[in-house]
Protein backbone atom coordinates (compact mmCIF):
# COMPACT_ATOMS: atom_id res chain seq x y z
CA UNK A 1 0.48 0.18 -0.50
CA UNK A 2 1.28 3.56 -0.96
CA UNK A 3 0.66 6.35 1.26
CA UNK A 4 -1.46 8.38 -0.76
CA UNK A 5 -3.66 4.78 -1.28
CA UNK A 6 -3.28 4.89 2.76
CA UNK A 7 -4.52 8.86 2.66
CA UNK A 8 -7.07 7.53 0.44
CA UNK A 9 -8.23 4.69 3.16
CA UNK A 10 -8.24 6.98 6.31
CA UNK A 11 -10.58 9.57 4.37
CA UNK A 12 -12.85 7.04 3.58
CA UNK A 13 -13.03 5.34 7.06
CA UNK A 14 -13.93 8.45 8.41
CA UNK A 15 -16.75 8.92 6.00
CA UNK A 16 -15.00 12.07 4.27
CA UNK A 17 -14.26 11.93 0.65
CA UNK A 18 -10.73 12.78 -0.02
CA UNK A 19 -8.10 15.74 -1.25
CA UNK A 20 -9.33 16.38 -4.69
CA UNK A 21 -5.58 16.39 -6.26
CA UNK A 22 -4.53 19.25 -7.39
CA UNK A 23 -1.73 19.47 -10.17
CA UNK A 24 -0.95 22.93 -9.10
CA UNK A 25 -1.60 22.55 -5.46
CA UNK A 26 0.44 22.56 -1.82
CA UNK A 27 2.60 19.33 -2.15
CA UNK A 28 2.27 17.07 1.15
CA UNK A 29 5.01 14.93 1.58
CA UNK A 30 5.02 12.24 3.91
CA UNK A 31 8.37 12.96 6.49
CA UNK A 32 8.51 9.10 6.41
CA UNK A 33 9.95 8.96 3.35
CA UNK A 34 9.66 11.95 1.60
CA UNK A 35 7.19 11.04 -0.90
CA UNK A 36 4.06 12.86 -2.30
CA UNK A 37 1.02 12.29 0.03
CA UNK A 38 -1.22 14.61 -1.98
CA UNK A 39 -1.08 17.95 -3.33
CA UNK A 40 -4.26 20.48 -2.48
CA UNK A 41 -5.80 23.24 -3.40
CA UNK A 42 -4.03 26.36 -1.58
CA UNK A 43 -7.31 29.52 -0.70
CA UNK A 44 -6.86 32.75 -2.70
CA UNK A 45 -7.36 35.89 -1.31
CA UNK A 46 -10.84 35.59 -2.48
CA UNK A 47 -11.57 33.09 -0.33
CA UNK A 48 -10.11 33.89 2.74
CA UNK A 49 -11.94 37.16 2.39
CA UNK A 50 -15.02 34.94 1.16
CA UNK A 51 -14.64 32.40 4.12
CA UNK A 52 -14.30 35.13 7.23
CA UNK A 53 -17.01 36.41 5.91
CA UNK A 54 -18.89 33.69 6.39
CA UNK A 55 -17.67 32.51 9.65
CA UNK A 56 -19.06 36.54 10.96
CA UNK A 57 -22.61 35.85 9.31
CA UNK A 58 -22.93 32.41 11.13
CA UNK A 59 -21.62 34.09 14.46
CA UNK A 60 -23.82 36.36 14.78
CA UNK A 61 -26.28 33.57 14.92
CA UNK A 62 -24.36 31.14 17.32
CA UNK A 63 -23.80 33.60 19.74
CA UNK A 64 -27.68 33.25 20.46
CA UNK A 65 -28.05 29.09 20.76
CA UNK A 66 -27.52 28.57 24.62
CA UNK A 67 -23.99 27.45 25.74
CA UNK A 68 -25.31 23.77 26.69
CA UNK A 69 -26.84 23.61 23.45
CA UNK A 70 -23.33 24.59 21.65
CA UNK A 71 -21.58 22.50 24.08
CA UNK A 72 -23.75 19.53 23.04
CA UNK A 73 -21.87 19.69 19.43
CA UNK A 74 -18.79 19.71 20.61
CA UNK A 75 -19.69 16.60 22.88
CA UNK A 76 -21.08 15.02 20.01
CA UNK A 77 -17.72 15.97 18.03
CA UNK A 78 -15.81 14.64 20.95
CA UNK A 79 -17.67 11.41 20.67
CA UNK A 80 -16.83 11.00 16.78
CA UNK A 81 -13.19 11.58 17.16
CA UNK A 82 -12.94 8.76 19.75
CA UNK A 83 -14.56 6.59 17.25
CA UNK A 84 -12.16 7.64 14.58
CA UNK A 85 -9.32 7.03 16.66
CA UNK A 86 -7.21 4.91 15.11
CA UNK A 87 -7.22 6.39 11.72
CA UNK A 88 -7.33 9.98 12.44
CA UNK A 89 -3.05 8.84 14.46
CA UNK A 90 -2.49 7.09 11.94
CA UNK A 91 -2.96 10.79 9.43
CA UNK A 92 -0.58 12.44 12.66
CA UNK A 93 2.18 9.72 11.84
CA UNK A 94 1.94 9.88 7.66
CA UNK A 95 1.92 13.54 7.65
CA UNK A 96 3.80 15.12 10.73
CA UNK A 97 6.18 11.33 11.09
CA UNK A 98 5.45 11.20 14.37
CA UNK A 99 5.29 7.58 16.13
CA UNK A 100 1.76 5.97 15.82
CA UNK A 101 2.08 6.28 19.88
CA UNK A 102 1.97 10.08 19.89
CA UNK A 103 -0.25 10.17 16.96
CA UNK A 104 -2.89 8.76 18.56
CA UNK A 105 -1.78 10.60 21.76
CA UNK A 106 -2.16 13.54 19.67
CA UNK A 107 -5.92 12.08 18.97
CA UNK A 108 -6.30 11.38 22.62
CA UNK A 109 -5.69 15.06 23.24
CA UNK A 110 -8.43 16.17 20.90
CA UNK A 111 -11.41 14.49 22.94
CA UNK A 112 -10.27 15.49 26.10
CA UNK A 113 -10.34 18.98 25.92
CA UNK A 114 -14.20 18.66 23.92
CA UNK A 115 -15.06 16.97 27.19
CA UNK A 116 -13.47 19.33 29.41
CA UNK A 117 -15.04 22.29 27.01
CA UNK A 118 -18.77 19.98 27.43
CA UNK A 119 -18.70 20.96 30.84
CA UNK A 120 -17.39 24.20 30.54
CA UNK A 121 -20.33 24.91 28.31
CA UNK A 122 -22.34 25.23 31.57
CA UNK A 123 -20.44 27.02 33.54
CA UNK A 124 -19.17 30.45 31.81
CA UNK A 125 -20.16 32.13 35.46
CA UNK A 126 -19.18 36.12 35.87
CA UNK A 127 -19.44 37.60 39.23
CA UNK A 128 -21.60 39.06 41.61
CA UNK A 129 -19.97 42.28 42.97
CA UNK A 130 -21.43 44.21 45.92
CA UNK A 131 -21.87 48.02 44.97
CA UNK A 132 -21.75 51.12 47.16
CA UNK A 133 -24.91 52.33 46.36
CA UNK A 134 -28.34 51.71 47.54
CA UNK A 135 -30.80 49.15 45.33
CA UNK A 136 -28.13 48.76 43.25
CA UNK A 137 -26.18 45.69 42.04
CA UNK A 138 -22.91 45.13 40.20
CA UNK A 139 -22.35 42.20 37.59
CA UNK A 140 -19.44 41.04 35.70
CA UNK A 141 -20.77 39.52 32.07
CA UNK A 142 -18.87 37.59 29.38
CA UNK A 143 -20.06 37.23 26.14
CA UNK A 144 -18.65 36.17 22.81
CA UNK A 145 -16.51 37.74 20.53
CA UNK A 146 -16.68 36.88 17.10
CA UNK A 147 -14.56 35.68 14.46
CA UNK A 148 -11.76 33.39 16.06
CA UNK A 149 -8.63 32.87 13.67
CA UNK A 150 -6.41 29.91 14.34
CA UNK A 151 -2.93 29.12 13.13
CA UNK A 152 -1.39 26.43 13.84
CA UNK A 153 1.98 24.63 13.55
CA UNK A 154 2.53 20.98 11.80
CA UNK A 155 4.09 19.55 14.99
CA UNK A 156 0.14 19.12 16.59
CA UNK A 157 -1.96 19.35 13.49
CA UNK A 158 -5.09 18.51 15.40
CA UNK A 159 -4.43 18.89 18.87
CA UNK A 160 -3.41 22.69 18.80
CA UNK A 161 -6.68 23.23 16.86
CA UNK A 162 -9.23 21.35 19.34
CA UNK A 163 -7.64 23.19 22.15
CA UNK A 164 -8.67 26.44 20.81
CA UNK A 165 -11.65 25.31 18.28
CA UNK A 166 -13.78 23.75 21.38
CA UNK A 167 -13.27 26.65 23.81
CA UNK A 168 -14.34 29.10 20.85
CA UNK A 169 -16.93 26.94 19.73
CA UNK A 170 -19.16 26.49 23.69
CA UNK A 171 -17.83 30.24 25.01
CA UNK A 172 -20.38 31.52 21.27
CA UNK A 173 -17.76 32.11 18.64
CA UNK A 174 -16.86 31.16 14.66
CA UNK A 175 -13.82 29.89 13.39
CA UNK A 176 -11.08 30.48 10.87
CA UNK A 177 -8.50 28.07 10.40
CA UNK A 178 -5.32 27.80 8.65
CA UNK A 179 -2.90 25.05 9.49
CA UNK A 180 0.27 24.67 8.67
CA UNK A 181 1.50 24.60 4.95
CA UNK A 182 3.05 20.86 5.93
CA UNK A 183 0.25 19.37 7.68
CA UNK A 184 -3.52 20.47 6.02
CA UNK A 185 -4.40 16.47 5.54
CA UNK A 186 -4.99 16.31 8.99
CA UNK A 187 -7.29 19.61 9.11
CA UNK A 188 -8.81 18.97 5.97
CA UNK A 189 -9.89 15.99 8.05
CA UNK A 190 -10.09 17.13 11.02
CA UNK A 191 -12.65 20.04 10.63
CA UNK A 192 -14.46 18.03 7.80
CA UNK A 193 -15.13 15.73 10.56
CA UNK A 194 -16.56 19.15 13.17
CA UNK A 195 -18.53 19.49 10.20
CA UNK A 196 -19.99 16.59 9.61
CA UNK A 197 -21.02 15.97 13.23
CA UNK A 198 -22.67 19.51 13.15
CA UNK A 199 -24.76 18.22 9.79
CA UNK A 200 -25.63 15.44 11.57
CA UNK A 201 -26.83 17.56 14.96
CA UNK A 202 -28.69 19.66 11.95
CA UNK A 203 -26.86 23.00 12.17
CA UNK A 204 -26.37 25.08 9.27
CA UNK A 205 -22.36 24.24 8.78
CA UNK A 206 -21.27 27.50 6.62
CA UNK A 207 -19.29 29.78 8.08
CA UNK A 208 -19.24 27.44 11.53
CA UNK A 209 -15.74 26.42 11.34
CA UNK A 210 -14.00 27.33 7.88
CA UNK A 211 -10.78 25.96 6.68
CA UNK A 212 -8.32 28.32 4.51
CA UNK A 213 -4.95 26.78 3.68
CA UNK A 214 -1.79 28.54 2.43
CA UNK A 215 1.30 30.45 2.80
CA UNK A 216 2.19 33.02 5.29
CA UNK A 217 0.02 35.08 3.17
CA UNK A 218 -2.72 33.56 3.69
CA UNK A 219 -2.21 33.83 7.43
CA UNK A 220 -2.27 37.70 6.94
CA UNK A 221 -4.75 37.88 5.82
CA UNK A 222 -6.30 36.38 8.32
CA UNK A 223 -4.24 38.43 10.57
CA UNK A 224 -5.20 41.46 9.11
CA UNK A 225 -9.10 40.86 8.49
CA UNK A 226 -11.54 43.30 10.44
CA UNK A 227 -14.13 40.75 11.46
CA UNK A 228 -11.42 38.02 13.03
CA UNK A 229 -11.75 39.34 16.75
CA UNK A 230 -8.91 37.25 18.12
CA UNK A 231 -6.13 35.11 16.97
CA UNK A 232 -4.72 32.26 18.44
CA UNK A 233 -1.45 31.63 16.87
CA UNK A 234 1.23 28.56 17.40
CA UNK A 235 4.69 28.96 15.99
CA UNK A 236 7.80 30.11 15.70
CA UNK A 237 8.95 33.55 17.89
CA UNK A 238 9.65 35.25 14.89
CA UNK A 239 6.02 34.47 13.46
CA UNK A 240 4.67 35.40 16.89
CA UNK A 241 5.93 38.81 16.89
CA UNK A 242 5.06 39.66 13.55
CA UNK A 243 1.23 38.58 14.41
CA UNK A 244 1.54 40.65 18.32
CA UNK A 245 2.41 43.53 16.16
CA UNK A 246 -0.13 43.63 13.31
CA UNK A 247 -2.56 42.56 15.68
CA UNK A 248 -2.13 45.52 18.17
CA UNK A 249 -1.93 47.99 15.34
CA UNK A 250 -5.71 46.49 14.74
CA UNK A 251 -6.37 47.01 18.82
CA UNK A 252 -7.58 43.08 17.79
CA UNK A 253 -6.42 40.23 20.40
CA UNK A 254 -3.96 37.88 20.40
CA UNK A 255 -3.13 34.48 21.67
CA UNK A 256 0.77 33.60 20.65
CA UNK A 257 1.90 30.35 21.65
CA UNK A 258 5.17 30.41 20.68
CA UNK A 259 8.64 28.69 21.47
CA UNK A 260 10.47 27.13 24.21
CA UNK A 261 14.31 26.56 24.90
CA UNK A 262 12.78 24.55 27.93
CA UNK A 263 15.66 23.06 31.16
CA UNK A 264 15.19 20.90 33.70
CA UNK A 265 17.32 21.38 36.88
CA UNK A 266 18.45 18.06 38.33
CA UNK A 267 19.15 17.98 42.34
CA UNK A 268 22.44 15.57 43.75
CA UNK A 269 19.06 14.39 45.59
CA UNK A 270 17.25 13.34 42.44
CA UNK A 271 16.11 9.53 41.51
CA UNK A 272 18.21 9.03 39.01
CA UNK A 273 16.40 6.27 37.55
CA UNK A 274 13.06 9.14 36.81
CA UNK A 275 15.22 11.09 35.65
CA UNK A 276 16.88 9.14 32.45
CA UNK A 277 13.30 7.86 31.73
CA UNK A 278 11.73 11.39 31.46
CA UNK A 279 14.81 13.05 30.26
CA UNK A 280 14.52 10.16 27.42
CA UNK A 281 10.94 10.82 26.48
CA UNK A 282 11.00 14.78 27.12
CA UNK A 283 14.38 15.38 24.83
CA UNK A 284 13.39 13.47 22.12
CA UNK A 285 9.76 12.24 22.34
CA UNK A 286 8.69 13.87 18.97
CA UNK A 287 11.99 13.75 17.04
CA UNK A 288 11.86 16.90 19.75
CA UNK A 289 10.16 18.86 17.68
CA UNK A 290 7.60 20.05 20.42
CA UNK A 291 7.81 23.84 21.69
CA UNK A 292 7.85 22.10 25.12
CA UNK A 293 10.87 19.61 24.34
CA UNK A 294 14.05 19.51 26.61
CA UNK A 295 15.99 21.58 25.16
CA UNK A 296 18.79 22.32 28.77
CA UNK A 297 19.86 19.75 31.26
CA UNK A 298 21.55 21.53 34.43
CA UNK A 299 22.63 18.93 36.64
CA UNK A 300 24.48 19.38 39.80
CA UNK A 301 28.44 18.62 39.83
CA UNK A 302 28.19 15.48 42.26
CA UNK A 303 26.19 13.53 39.75
CA UNK A 304 26.63 14.79 36.13
CA UNK A 305 29.25 11.95 35.49
CA UNK A 306 26.62 9.23 36.56
CA UNK A 307 23.72 10.34 34.89
CA UNK A 308 25.56 11.08 31.64
CA UNK A 309 27.20 7.97 31.55
CA UNK A 310 23.34 6.50 31.92
CA UNK A 311 21.82 9.14 29.33
CA UNK A 312 24.04 8.44 26.49
CA UNK A 313 24.20 4.42 27.16
CA UNK A 314 20.06 5.45 26.49
CA UNK A 315 20.43 8.07 23.68
CA UNK A 316 22.55 5.20 21.90
CA UNK A 317 19.95 2.43 21.94
CA UNK A 318 16.99 4.51 20.93
CA UNK A 319 14.79 2.89 18.86
CA UNK A 320 15.11 5.34 15.51
CA UNK A 321 13.20 4.33 12.30
CA UNK A 322 9.90 4.36 10.69
CA UNK A 323 7.28 5.91 13.17
CA UNK A 324 4.55 3.41 11.55
CA UNK A 325 6.68 0.42 12.57
CA UNK A 326 5.44 -0.74 16.34
CA UNK A 327 8.79 -0.19 18.87
CA UNK A 328 10.34 2.83 16.95
CA UNK A 329 10.45 5.70 19.64
CA UNK A 330 12.45 8.28 17.66
CA UNK A 331 10.71 9.05 13.93
CA UNK A 332 11.89 11.22 11.17
CA UNK A 333 12.80 15.08 11.30
CA UNK A 334 10.03 17.05 9.28
CA UNK A 335 11.96 18.44 6.49
CA UNK A 336 15.95 19.21 5.11
CA UNK A 337 15.86 22.73 6.67
CA UNK A 338 15.05 21.01 10.63
CA UNK A 339 17.87 18.52 9.80
CA UNK A 340 20.26 21.25 8.67
CA UNK A 341 19.38 23.21 11.16
CA UNK A 342 19.93 20.69 13.71
CA UNK A 343 23.41 20.26 12.24
CA UNK A 344 24.34 24.14 11.89
CA UNK A 345 23.66 24.04 15.93
CA UNK A 346 25.32 21.18 16.92
CA UNK A 347 28.85 22.09 14.36
CA UNK A 348 28.70 25.76 16.62
CA UNK A 349 29.01 23.79 19.93
CA UNK A 350 31.50 21.99 18.55
CA UNK A 351 33.61 25.08 17.67
CA UNK A 352 33.39 26.35 20.55
CA UNK A 353 34.82 23.27 22.61
CA UNK A 354 31.21 21.16 23.29
CA UNK A 355 31.59 17.68 22.94
CA UNK A 356 28.57 15.83 21.19
CA UNK A 357 27.15 12.70 21.13
CA UNK A 358 25.80 11.50 18.45
CA UNK A 359 23.30 13.69 16.07
CA UNK A 360 24.32 12.15 13.13
CA UNK A 361 21.86 11.30 10.01
CA UNK A 362 20.29 7.22 10.16
CA UNK A 363 20.05 5.14 7.25
CA UNK A 364 16.58 3.96 7.16
CA UNK A 365 15.48 1.41 4.57
CA UNK A 366 15.84 3.77 1.25
CA UNK A 367 14.16 6.94 2.99
CA UNK A 368 15.44 10.27 1.03
CA UNK A 369 14.22 11.17 4.67
CA UNK A 370 15.67 13.23 7.68
CA UNK A 371 16.14 10.60 10.62
CA UNK A 372 18.99 11.49 13.34
CA UNK A 373 19.72 10.00 16.52
CA UNK A 374 18.91 12.31 19.10
CA UNK A 375 21.45 14.28 20.50
CA UNK A 376 23.58 15.07 23.75
CA UNK A 377 26.20 18.22 23.70
CA UNK A 378 28.14 18.67 27.53
CA UNK A 379 28.26 22.06 27.73
CA UNK A 380 30.63 23.50 30.28
CA UNK A 381 28.48 26.86 30.39
CA UNK A 382 25.19 28.26 29.17
CA UNK A 383 26.90 29.76 26.31
CA UNK A 384 26.31 29.47 22.08
CA UNK A 385 24.19 27.51 20.59
CA UNK A 386 22.55 26.92 24.31
CA UNK A 387 20.93 29.83 24.37
CA UNK A 388 18.95 29.29 21.27
CA UNK A 389 15.89 26.91 20.35
CA UNK A 390 16.86 24.71 17.83
CA UNK A 391 13.41 22.29 16.84
CA UNK A 392 15.40 19.24 17.24
CA UNK A 393 16.33 16.75 19.55
CA UNK A 394 19.67 18.48 20.69
CA UNK A 395 19.51 18.04 24.33
CA UNK A 396 22.65 20.60 26.10
CA UNK A 397 23.97 19.35 29.30
CA UNK A 398 25.79 21.92 32.00
CA UNK A 399 26.83 21.45 35.68
CA UNK A 400 26.02 23.93 38.57
CA UNK A 401 26.61 23.96 41.84
CA UNK A 402 24.40 25.64 43.85
CA UNK A 403 20.42 26.08 43.26
CA UNK A 404 20.52 29.32 43.08
CA UNK A 405 22.83 28.92 40.33
CA UNK A 406 20.43 26.66 38.32
CA UNK A 407 17.35 28.49 38.59
CA UNK A 408 19.08 31.54 37.41
CA UNK A 409 20.41 29.33 34.47
CA UNK A 410 17.26 28.20 33.77
CA UNK A 411 15.82 31.30 33.50
CA UNK A 412 18.24 33.51 31.64
CA UNK A 413 17.55 32.48 28.20
CA UNK A 414 14.55 34.56 26.03
CA UNK A 415 11.78 32.04 26.20
CA UNK A 416 9.77 31.13 28.80
CA UNK A 417 7.49 28.21 28.14
CA UNK A 418 7.90 24.98 30.56
CA UNK A 419 10.53 24.06 33.29
CA UNK A 420 11.36 21.36 35.56
CA UNK A 421 13.27 19.97 38.36
CA UNK A 422 14.26 16.29 39.23
CA UNK A 423 14.78 16.80 43.48
CA UNK A 424 13.49 14.82 46.51
CA UNK A 425 14.33 17.74 48.80
CA UNK A 426 11.44 20.04 49.10
CA UNK A 427 12.71 22.85 50.13
CA UNK A 428 13.98 22.83 46.09
CA UNK A 429 10.84 21.88 44.98
CA UNK A 430 8.87 24.69 46.95
CA UNK A 431 11.33 27.36 45.96
CA UNK A 432 11.42 25.84 42.09
CA UNK A 433 7.38 26.59 42.06
CA UNK A 434 7.27 29.71 43.83
CA UNK A 435 7.60 33.33 42.56
CA UNK A 436 11.42 32.64 42.78
CA UNK A 437 11.67 30.05 41.38
CA UNK A 438 10.92 29.52 37.92
CA UNK A 439 9.76 31.90 35.38
CA UNK A 440 8.01 29.69 32.66
CA UNK A 441 4.19 29.49 32.45
CA UNK A 442 4.95 25.73 33.63
CA UNK A 443 7.09 24.24 36.54
CA UNK A 444 7.19 20.52 37.05
CA UNK A 445 8.43 18.65 39.84
CA UNK A 446 9.60 14.90 39.43
CA UNK A 447 7.90 14.79 35.77
CA UNK A 448 9.53 16.11 32.06
CA UNK A 449 8.85 19.26 30.36
CA UNK A 450 6.68 18.20 27.59
CA UNK A 451 3.28 15.88 28.15
CA UNK A 452 1.16 18.43 29.66
CA UNK A 453 -2.71 17.65 30.35
CA UNK A 454 -5.44 19.74 29.19
CA UNK A 455 -6.71 20.61 32.72
CA UNK A 456 -4.15 23.35 32.71
CA UNK A 457 -3.92 26.42 31.27
CA UNK A 458 -0.89 25.86 28.51
CA UNK A 459 1.42 28.60 27.39
CA UNK A 460 4.31 30.57 29.16
CA UNK A 461 5.90 33.79 29.19
CA UNK A 462 8.29 35.92 27.46
CA UNK A 463 8.98 34.85 24.49
CA UNK A 464 6.74 31.98 24.17
CA UNK A 465 4.44 34.59 24.09
CA UNK A 466 1.88 34.92 26.87
CA UNK A 467 -0.88 33.13 25.89
CA UNK A 468 -2.55 30.47 27.81
CA UNK A 469 -4.83 27.69 25.51
CA UNK A 470 -6.62 24.49 27.32
CA UNK A 471 -7.65 24.09 30.60
CA UNK A 472 -8.29 26.45 34.02
CA UNK A 473 -10.27 29.54 32.53
CA UNK A 474 -8.01 30.12 29.48
CA UNK A 475 -11.68 30.36 28.01
CA UNK A 476 -12.08 34.04 29.26
CA UNK A 477 -9.99 34.31 26.07
CA UNK A 478 -12.36 33.32 23.86
CA UNK A 479 -14.83 36.04 25.02
CA UNK A 480 -14.98 40.14 26.19
CA UNK A 481 -16.14 41.15 29.55
CA UNK A 482 -18.91 43.20 30.58
CA UNK A 483 -19.43 44.89 33.45
CA UNK A 484 -23.51 46.02 34.04
CA UNK A 485 -24.43 48.62 36.73
CA UNK A 486 -28.34 47.91 37.80
CA UNK A 487 -30.41 50.11 39.10
CA UNK A 488 -33.74 48.76 40.85
CA UNK A 489 -34.33 51.73 42.70
CA UNK A 490 -36.78 55.06 42.54
CA UNK A 491 -33.49 57.20 43.12
CA UNK A 492 -30.09 57.63 40.96
CA UNK A 493 -27.49 57.68 43.46
CA UNK A 494 -23.70 58.18 42.18
CA UNK A 495 -20.33 56.61 43.36
CA UNK A 496 -18.14 58.16 45.44
CA UNK A 497 -20.54 60.22 46.64
CA UNK A 498 -21.15 62.63 43.90
CA UNK A 499 -23.99 65.48 44.10
CA UNK A 500 -25.12 66.80 40.81
CA UNK A 501 -28.56 67.89 41.33
CA UNK A 502 -30.45 69.64 38.16
């Protein structure tokens, strides 16, 4: 079976029409062997404008649907995704190169956030606030924004959309989604399943969730369109900086989930077996292509040597290969650009005197793809490439002497997404998660930096963008707040005791 045939089989299993072949369209290749999966049509400027207009028109009626009724759509969508977990997971693997287990895990994230959003649809609560004026009531209420534009990255082609879409829909918004041009098939499948579900419920699907496909010009149109009230963008810091500035100039909201140069501190009391397992997944999982991937390991000098020995031994035998084959733990990089960036970073580290273990290209059959053995780079100090995010499986390791020094190293980078400490020392754990500890949006104890649950708000500080998605009160980003003062008396007292008699 060719991968192109596999894609057609997957869409058939979803009861969706496979994407039409467009000879001049966007080429979608699998990183597994670089072969062509499909050529899909790119949205024109006029089509993007029309999609946004449809979404705005649909919003005007969708906002009036009671939130629990909106939740019924999200519930049914989550159930449809659960029923089709296997083909959806396989499609993710084909398009991103993730191992099968990670593809299935991403689909489970879609199911989980839908379940969270269904409960949320009955909990879009405001506040009742004590008024200083007699016979007055002060309220805080929440209302939908309008059209939510979603720009997603290749590495989580379904989950990132769902994190935004499930919350935005129950909050009363409509959607326009621009997926990464590297993974449009996953978007076509998931959005198709959402609209299929809505149609089965008798809903008008036009404008509910519009999909636009293309390069940065399509994204720019989405960002600049006056009827898009929130842009949720996941990707590089450079992309996020451009989106943030553009949104600010138009006084519209942006929700930015950008890069991360994530660190883990390993204290002298750490359980080294736990460390090795946590570090291996965080650094090598998804071939290092997560925003939460572990990039920096800050190790107490007294345990540096035994930990390095154990890590090198594990990385040396990590199964690298075809992600569709059971037992593989590390699939390919997404493309040659990612491979070249990795090799440049490794060479820069070597030139600075660092010792690099592994990191070279691995032959997997006759595939013209980019498989690498995850690298470990021993650094004398935190400098050079260690201060930059490289979206590839490179783990930089540096020793430390005092815990305050380790925290300073953790915080001494531009990004502030995820962080971790491995320790059995209660004081170290508490300090790390305190105000003078990690400055990241995620601060874990005795687990790695990646693999967040949907129940907590996800996002980071500094060059990570400051946005929050998924759980906790992240829903508030998709709504506007109104303060209401209601006078149910027969007089008109003014606030602050002001007298103004006419």
